[in-house]
C-alpha cells in the first residue's frame, strides 16, 4: 500500500512540475510577444512619421510649383456646397 501511495505522490509531483514548466514557458512567450509588439510599434510609428513628413514636403514643393487656378477652386467649392445640400 505504501508503494502505491508513494507512486501517486511522485506522479502528482511530476504533474505539478510539468504544469509549472508549461506556465513558465507560456509566461515567457507572452512577455516576448509584448516586447516585440512594443518594438515594432515604435518602428512603425517612426516609419509612418517619416513617410507622412516626406509626403507633406512633396505637397509643399508641388504647391509652390503651380498656383491654383481660381476657376478650379470655384468649381470644387460649388461641388462641395451642392453635395452638402443634398445630404441634408
Protein backbone atom coordinates (compact mmCIF):
# COMPACT_ATOMS: atom_id res chain seq x y z
CA UNK A 1 0.00 0.00 0.00
CA UNK A 2 2.86 2.38 0.75
CA UNK A 3 4.31 1.67 -2.65
CA UNK A 4 1.10 2.78 -4.41
CA UNK A 5 0.84 5.91 -2.26
CA UNK A 6 4.46 6.83 -2.94
CA UNK A 7 3.95 6.29 -6.67
CA UNK A 8 0.86 8.52 -6.67
CA UNK A 9 2.71 11.25 -4.77
CA UNK A 10 5.57 11.05 -7.27
CA UNK A 11 3.07 11.23 -10.15
CA UNK A 12 1.37 14.30 -8.64
CA UNK A 13 4.76 15.94 -8.09
CA UNK A 14 5.79 15.30 -11.69
CA UNK A 15 2.40 16.60 -12.88
CA UNK A 16 2.79 19.87 -10.96
CA UNK A 17 6.36 20.21 -12.19
CA UNK A 18 5.21 19.81 -15.80
CA UNK A 19 2.33 22.24 -15.36
CA UNK A 20 4.67 24.76 -13.76
CA UNK A 21 7.14 24.47 -16.62
CA UNK A 22 4.35 24.97 -19.16
CA UNK A 23 3.12 28.01 -17.24
CA UNK A 24 6.65 29.42 -17.12
CA UNK A 25 7.15 28.82 -20.86
CA UNK A 26 3.85 30.49 -21.76
CA UNK A 27 4.61 33.45 -19.49
CA UNK A 28 7.99 33.98 -21.17
CA UNK A 29 6.33 33.62 -24.59
CA UNK A 30 3.68 36.25 -23.76
CA UNK A 31 6.32 38.60 -22.38
CA UNK A 32 8.38 38.16 -25.55
CA UNK A 33 5.36 38.88 -27.75
CA UNK A 34 4.61 42.08 -25.81
CA UNK A 35 8.21 43.24 -26.09
CA UNK A 36 8.31 42.59 -29.84
CA UNK A 37 4.95 44.35 -30.28
CA UNK A 38 6.25 47.46 -28.49
CA UNK A 39 9.46 47.39 -30.51
CA UNK A 40 7.56 47.06 -33.80
CA UNK A 41 5.06 49.76 -32.80
CA UNK A 42 7.90 52.23 -32.23
CA UNK A 43 9.44 51.34 -35.59
CA UNK A 44 6.08 51.56 -37.35
CA UNK A 45 5.29 54.91 -35.75
CA UNK A 46 8.64 56.39 -36.73
CA UNK A 47 8.34 55.00 -40.26
CA UNK A 48 4.82 56.42 -40.53
CA UNK A 49 6.08 59.81 -39.34
CA UNK A 50 8.91 59.81 -41.88
CA UNK A 51 6.52 58.76 -44.65
CA UNK A 52 3.94 61.43 -43.78
CA UNK A 53 6.65 64.06 -43.44
CA UNK A 54 8.02 63.17 -46.89
CA UNK A 55 4.51 63.37 -48.37
CA UNK A 56 3.87 66.77 -46.80
CA UNK A 57 7.20 68.02 -48.13
CA UNK A 58 6.22 66.83 -51.61
CA UNK A 59 2.87 68.61 -51.33
CA UNK A 60 4.57 71.82 -50.31
CA UNK A 61 7.02 71.61 -53.18
CA UNK A 62 4.23 70.78 -55.66
CA UNK A 63 2.04 73.62 -54.46
CA UNK A 64 4.96 76.03 -54.82
CA UNK A 65 5.46 74.90 -58.41
CA UNK A 66 1.90 75.54 -59.67
CA UNK A 67 -0.52 78.15 -58.32
CA UNK A 68 -4.14 77.07 -58.11
CA UNK A 69 -6.47 78.13 -60.86
CA UNK A 70 -9.32 80.24 -59.40
CA UNK A 71 -11.83 78.58 -61.74
CA UNK A 72 -10.89 75.14 -60.44
CA UNK A 73 -11.19 76.32 -56.83
CA UNK A 74 -14.63 77.82 -57.58
CA UNK A 75 -15.80 74.61 -59.28
CA UNK A 76 -14.67 72.46 -56.36
CA UNK A 77 -16.29 74.80 -53.84
CA UNK A 78 -19.57 74.71 -55.77
CA UNK A 79 -19.47 70.92 -56.00
CA UNK A 80 -18.87 70.60 -52.25
CA UNK A 81 -21.70 73.02 -51.50
CA UNK A 82 -24.10 71.05 -53.74
CA UNK A 83 -23.06 67.76 -52.17
CA UNK A 84 -23.59 69.07 -48.66
CA UNK A 85 -27.03 70.47 -49.58
CA UNK A 86 -28.07 67.08 -50.99
CA UNK A 87 -27.08 65.25 -47.80
CA UNK A 88 -29.28 67.41 -45.54
